[in-house]
Amino acid sequence: MQESLECWHLGLRRIPASLFCGGDLLLVDLPSLEGWGADIWIKGDLIMSRIPRQAALPRDVRVEGKRRVPVGY
């Protein structure tokens, strides 16, 4: 993905492995999200809102911009 990616109100269960996002990644209201794949690179900002706790951000996600995630993630 060369540009920003927005995921709103989806039944997405997992952020795919080897995802490259050339801009911002916006994840909002994804109640079915369970986790993240490996080797994820976000060139812009990562913005998360209303994400289940079990889908907490893994330590190895590369974010070059700001991380705007709920407290505890």
N, C-alpha and C. Protein backbone atom coordinates (compact mmCIF):
# COMPACT_ATOMS: atom_id res chain seq x y z
N MET A 1 0.85 -1.16 0.00
CA MET A 1 0.00 0.00 0.00
C MET A 1 0.90 1.23 0.00
N GLN A 2 0.84 2.03 -1.01
CA GLN A 2 1.72 3.18 -1.13
C GLN A 2 1.21 4.43 -0.41
N GLU A 3 -0.08 4.45 -0.10
CA GLU A 3 -0.67 5.62 0.54
C GLU A 3 -1.25 5.24 1.89
N SER A 4 -2.03 6.15 2.46
CA SER A 4 -2.68 5.89 3.74
C SER A 4 -3.76 4.83 3.58
N LEU A 5 -4.06 4.17 4.70
CA LEU A 5 -5.08 3.13 4.73
C LEU A 5 -5.98 3.36 5.92
N GLU A 6 -7.30 3.37 5.68
CA GLU A 6 -8.27 3.56 6.75
C GLU A 6 -9.17 2.35 6.82
N CYS A 7 -9.30 1.79 8.02
CA CYS A 7 -10.19 0.65 8.27
C CYS A 7 -11.19 1.06 9.35
N TRP A 8 -12.43 1.21 8.97
CA TRP A 8 -13.50 1.64 9.88
C TRP A 8 -14.58 0.57 9.93
N HIS A 9 -15.03 0.21 11.12
CA HIS A 9 -16.21 -0.64 11.33
C HIS A 9 -16.17 -1.92 10.50
N LEU A 10 -15.08 -2.65 10.55
CA LEU A 10 -14.95 -3.89 9.79
C LEU A 10 -14.87 -5.10 10.71
N GLY A 11 -15.12 -6.27 10.16
CA GLY A 11 -14.98 -7.53 10.88
C GLY A 11 -13.58 -8.10 10.74
N LEU A 12 -12.60 -7.27 10.52
CA LEU A 12 -11.22 -7.68 10.33
C LEU A 12 -10.71 -8.39 11.58
N ARG A 13 -10.12 -9.59 11.42
CA ARG A 13 -9.64 -10.36 12.56
C ARG A 13 -8.15 -10.18 12.82
N ARG A 14 -7.39 -9.87 11.78
CA ARG A 14 -5.94 -9.76 11.93
C ARG A 14 -5.38 -8.73 10.94
N ILE A 15 -4.42 -7.95 11.40
CA ILE A 15 -3.69 -7.07 10.50
C ILE A 15 -2.69 -7.97 9.78
N PRO A 16 -2.69 -7.97 8.45
CA PRO A 16 -1.87 -8.94 7.71
C PRO A 16 -0.36 -8.75 7.90
N ALA A 17 0.35 -9.86 7.88
CA ALA A 17 1.81 -9.86 7.98
C ALA A 17 2.41 -9.15 6.76
N SER A 18 3.57 -8.60 6.96
CA SER A 18 4.33 -7.92 5.90
C SER A 18 3.59 -6.74 5.29
N LEU A 19 2.69 -6.14 6.05
CA LEU A 19 1.97 -4.96 5.56
C LEU A 19 2.93 -3.78 5.52
N PHE A 20 2.99 -3.09 4.37
CA PHE A 20 3.72 -1.84 4.24
C PHE A 20 2.69 -0.77 3.92
N CYS A 21 2.59 0.23 4.76
CA CYS A 21 1.66 1.33 4.55
C CYS A 21 2.50 2.59 4.35
N GLY A 22 2.43 3.17 3.16
CA GLY A 22 3.25 4.32 2.81
C GLY A 22 2.81 5.63 3.43
N GLY A 23 1.66 5.64 4.09
CA GLY A 23 1.15 6.84 4.76
C GLY A 23 0.67 6.47 6.15
N ASP A 24 -0.43 7.09 6.57
CA ASP A 24 -1.00 6.81 7.88
C ASP A 24 -1.83 5.53 7.83
N LEU A 25 -1.91 4.84 8.98
CA LEU A 25 -2.79 3.70 9.14
C LEU A 25 -3.79 4.05 10.23
N LEU A 26 -5.07 4.07 9.87
CA LEU A 26 -6.15 4.42 10.79
C LEU A 26 -7.00 3.18 11.01
N LEU A 27 -7.10 2.75 12.26
CA LEU A 27 -7.89 1.58 12.64
C LEU A 27 -8.92 2.03 13.67
N VAL A 28 -10.20 2.00 13.29
CA VAL A 28 -11.26 2.50 14.16
C VAL A 28 -12.40 1.49 14.24
N ASP A 29 -12.81 1.17 15.46
CA ASP A 29 -13.97 0.32 15.73
C ASP A 29 -13.88 -1.02 14.98
N LEU A 30 -12.88 -1.80 15.37
CA LEU A 30 -12.68 -3.13 14.79
C LEU A 30 -12.89 -4.16 15.90
N PRO A 31 -14.14 -4.48 16.25
CA PRO A 31 -14.42 -5.32 17.42
C PRO A 31 -13.93 -6.76 17.29
N SER A 32 -13.70 -7.26 16.10
CA SER A 32 -13.26 -8.64 15.91
C SER A 32 -11.74 -8.79 15.83
N LEU A 33 -11.01 -7.68 15.89
CA LEU A 33 -9.56 -7.74 15.73
C LEU A 33 -8.94 -8.53 16.88
N GLU A 34 -8.13 -9.54 16.52
CA GLU A 34 -7.49 -10.42 17.50
C GLU A 34 -5.99 -10.24 17.58
N GLY A 35 -5.36 -9.74 16.51
CA GLY A 35 -3.91 -9.61 16.56
C GLY A 35 -3.32 -9.03 15.30
N TRP A 36 -1.99 -9.08 15.26
CA TRP A 36 -1.21 -8.49 14.18
C TRP A 36 -0.27 -9.54 13.61
N GLY A 37 -0.04 -9.49 12.31
CA GLY A 37 0.97 -10.31 11.68
C GLY A 37 2.35 -9.72 11.94
N ALA A 38 3.38 -10.41 11.50
CA ALA A 38 4.76 -9.95 11.70
C ALA A 38 5.20 -9.03 10.58
N ASP A 39 6.24 -8.27 10.84
CA ASP A 39 6.92 -7.45 9.83
C ASP A 39 6.01 -6.38 9.23
N ILE A 40 5.44 -5.53 10.09
CA ILE A 40 4.55 -4.46 9.65
C ILE A 40 5.30 -3.13 9.74
N TRP A 41 5.21 -2.34 8.66
CA TRP A 41 5.93 -1.08 8.57
C TRP A 41 4.95 0.01 8.15
N ILE A 42 4.85 1.06 8.97
CA ILE A 42 3.95 2.18 8.70
C ILE A 42 4.80 3.44 8.58
N LYS A 43 4.83 4.04 7.40
CA LYS A 43 5.66 5.22 7.16
C LYS A 43 5.09 6.47 7.82
N GLY A 44 3.78 6.53 7.99
CA GLY A 44 3.14 7.69 8.59
C GLY A 44 2.76 7.43 10.03
N ASP A 45 1.63 8.00 10.43
CA ASP A 45 1.12 7.85 11.79
C ASP A 45 0.28 6.58 11.91
N LEU A 46 0.25 6.02 13.11
CA LEU A 46 -0.65 4.93 13.45
C LEU A 46 -1.69 5.48 14.40
N ILE A 47 -2.95 5.41 14.00
CA ILE A 47 -4.05 5.94 14.80
C ILE A 47 -5.02 4.80 15.06
N MET A 48 -5.24 4.49 16.35
CA MET A 48 -6.14 3.40 16.72
C MET A 48 -7.19 3.93 17.70
N SER A 49 -8.43 3.46 17.52
CA SER A 49 -9.51 3.83 18.41
C SER A 49 -10.54 2.70 18.44
N ARG A 50 -11.01 2.39 19.64
CA ARG A 50 -12.02 1.34 19.84
C ARG A 50 -11.56 -0.01 19.27
N ILE A 51 -10.38 -0.43 19.74
CA ILE A 51 -9.77 -1.70 19.36
C ILE A 51 -9.77 -2.60 20.61
N PRO A 52 -10.13 -3.88 20.49
CA PRO A 52 -10.11 -4.76 21.66
C PRO A 52 -8.71 -4.89 22.28
N ARG A 53 -8.66 -5.08 23.57
CA ARG A 53 -7.37 -5.20 24.28
C ARG A 53 -6.52 -6.36 23.77
N GLN A 54 -7.15 -7.47 23.37
CA GLN A 54 -6.38 -8.62 22.89
C GLN A 54 -5.64 -8.30 21.59
N ALA A 55 -5.96 -7.21 20.95
CA ALA A 55 -5.30 -6.81 19.71
C ALA A 55 -4.27 -5.71 19.96
N ALA A 56 -3.69 -5.73 21.14
CA ALA A 56 -2.70 -4.71 21.49
C ALA A 56 -1.57 -4.67 20.46
N LEU A 57 -1.01 -3.52 20.29
CA LEU A 57 0.05 -3.29 19.33
C LEU A 57 1.31 -4.07 19.72
N PRO A 58 1.81 -4.93 18.82
CA PRO A 58 3.05 -5.65 19.14
C PRO A 58 4.26 -4.71 19.14
N ARG A 59 5.29 -5.10 19.85
CA ARG A 59 6.48 -4.25 19.99
C ARG A 59 7.26 -4.09 18.70
N ASP A 60 7.16 -5.05 17.79
CA ASP A 60 8.00 -5.02 16.59
C ASP A 60 7.38 -4.27 15.41
N VAL A 61 6.23 -3.64 15.60
CA VAL A 61 5.64 -2.84 14.52
C VAL A 61 6.49 -1.58 14.34
N ARG A 62 6.89 -1.32 13.12
CA ARG A 62 7.72 -0.14 12.82
C ARG A 62 6.81 1.01 12.40
N VAL A 63 6.79 2.08 13.20
CA VAL A 63 5.97 3.27 12.92
C VAL A 63 6.91 4.46 12.85
N GLU A 64 6.99 5.09 11.68
CA GLU A 64 7.89 6.23 11.51
C GLU A 64 7.25 7.54 11.95
N GLY A 65 5.93 7.60 11.98
CA GLY A 65 5.23 8.80 12.44
C GLY A 65 4.88 8.68 13.91
N LYS A 66 3.81 9.33 14.28
CA LYS A 66 3.34 9.31 15.67
C LYS A 66 2.45 8.10 15.91
N ARG A 67 2.44 7.65 17.14
CA ARG A 67 1.53 6.56 17.56
C ARG A 67 0.44 7.19 18.39
N ARG A 68 -0.76 7.14 17.88
CA ARG A 68 -1.92 7.65 18.62
C ARG A 68 -2.78 6.45 18.95
N VAL A 69 -2.48 5.83 20.07
CA VAL A 69 -3.17 4.60 20.45
C VAL A 69 -3.73 4.78 21.86
N PRO A 70 -4.79 4.03 22.20
CA PRO A 70 -5.36 4.15 23.54
C PRO A 70 -4.34 3.81 24.62
N VAL A 71 -4.50 4.39 25.79
CA VAL A 71 -3.63 4.12 26.93
C VAL A 71 -3.64 2.62 27.22
N GLY A 72 -2.48 2.05 27.45
CA GLY A 72 -2.38 0.62 27.74
C GLY A 72 -2.03 -0.22 26.53
N TYR A 73 -1.84 0.40 25.36
CA TYR A 73 -1.52 -0.36 24.15
C TYR A 73 -0.07 -0.16 23.80
